[in-house]
Amino acid sequence: MKAVIFRGTGDLRLEEVPNPKIEAPADAIIKVTTAAICASDLHIKHAGTEPGTIMGHEYCGVVLETGSQVSSLKKGDRVAGKPAFSCGSCYYCEHRQQSLCSRGGIFGGAVGSGKLGTQAEYARIPFADNTLIKIPGGLDDEDVIFTGDILSTGFSGPLRTGVAFGDIVAVFGAGPVGLCAVACTPLFGAGMVIAVDVLDYRLDVARKFGAVTINAAKEEPVKKIKELTGGIGADAGIEAAGTKTTLDSVFASVRRGGRVSILGTVPDDYTFRLGERFFDIFNLNIGLGDQNYGAELMRLIKNHKLDLKPLITHRFPFAEIMKAYEVFEKKQGNCIKVILKTS
């Protein structure tokens, strides 16, 4: 089969590799029908991982074969997958913290992946019952391709900040994850969602999701948010860019007694001065996205409460995935998300 392989820092190649096989009773083998490229793939491409690793963790497919312990899936089922595989039975899984699974890992080059990835024609999925989600009838791959990763991560923003009816929520970073947060936040009853970015084409999509937008390259976002909130600040802030500037801004724009959730990867040298907010009854949440709501998110999509298709700006056949990487990394043609079709 063909797969995107990490060969060294900055070096990805589309190569022929052996087809995957069932290696454990809880495994499934899927034919990947749709894949996507994520910003995390770019981090791994340039930061490095074990040579020979198959890239990718955003995927849909069809089940071809299941191990003897797989009970909820059968050959022919259409599925979308989570980026992290987890056993479902360890301490962390039982406490709904699946990304911390003692026996799990993350596809596509992260710690514990075992070289597994999904930017390939076929993929082995460990703990398939807990890692794959059946796609409801009437939905196609493009409806649900983001459910496992960026949609679940974006949904974690308003979930973890406890967004309530009437809240004003500021989302810093209108990339794919930030836009998913923008799209999900009204589901929690927010009275206003403010999206902040420096690229107008991303803010155009945020407005399609109902957000008030601020281009931080043209106006000072903290000042503008204070103006929009009568000088008080936002009730909740969601950081989805992972830069010092956006982190500083989200903290400065959220009111006393407010809440912040960080979804972007925090720079190693970033310092948050706890003393500056100690007396503010201020709540801060950080960490990987919550993977527990995939089936519920699919129901919202099926019931026309959520539509992430506006994020898809480019489509390529899988054979042109290296060109797709270039388009995505360089943001050519106002790229937000790239979809790869393997069949």
Foldseek 3Di string as FASTA:
>chain_A
DWFWWQAWQLDIDTDDDDQDDDDDQLKWKWFWFKFWDDVVLVVCNHVHADGGATAGQQTKTFTCDHGNPHDPDDGGFTWTWAQKAAQCDDPCNVVLNRPPHPQMFGHGGGPNNPSFHDLGRMGMGGNCNRTIDGFDPPDDCLQQRCLRALLLLLLQWCVVQVDAAAFEEEEEDLFSNSLSVLLNNVVRRYNAYEYEEQDVVSVVSSVVSPHHYDRCVVDPVLVVQCVVVVNFAGQEYEYAAQDLVSVVSRVSRHGQLHEYEYSHNHPPPDDDDCVVNVPRVYYYHYDGGRRPCSVVVSVCSVVVNGGDSVLEDEEDESVCVVVVVVCVVVCPPVHRMYMYGPD
